[in-house]
């Protein structure tokens, strides 16, 4: 059984930083695209960042470029999201996901087969 467990969320003031981590068990993530998505109450789930199977390529939505960094450690089966200069609009439940895609990156949620329960990030103004 594949499980993804996120951690690192919390309450932070605007301008602050958080590091989210996702630990995957039940399958190896090496070679597969990994991503972070987020969802706020009343909003649709939103792609945030993705990283290719070997870590060579990354993709970010425009609103987080230059502030968020996605990284992975295939040996540890983990993927992280370093977030800095946080804004109130970053407040959301953040989920990590592992795809069945082995090339490039993808923003489409339909390509991600396993999801974590999420970790809450709240940014106060």
Foldseek 3Di string as FASTA:
>chain_A
DKAKAKDWADEEAQQAKIKMKIAIPDDQQALWKKFKWWDDVPGDIFTAKIAARHRPDMDGDPVQPPFWDWGDDRVRRMIMIIGGSDDQVVWTWMKMFTFPDRDDYDGDPVRTDDMHPTDTHGYHD
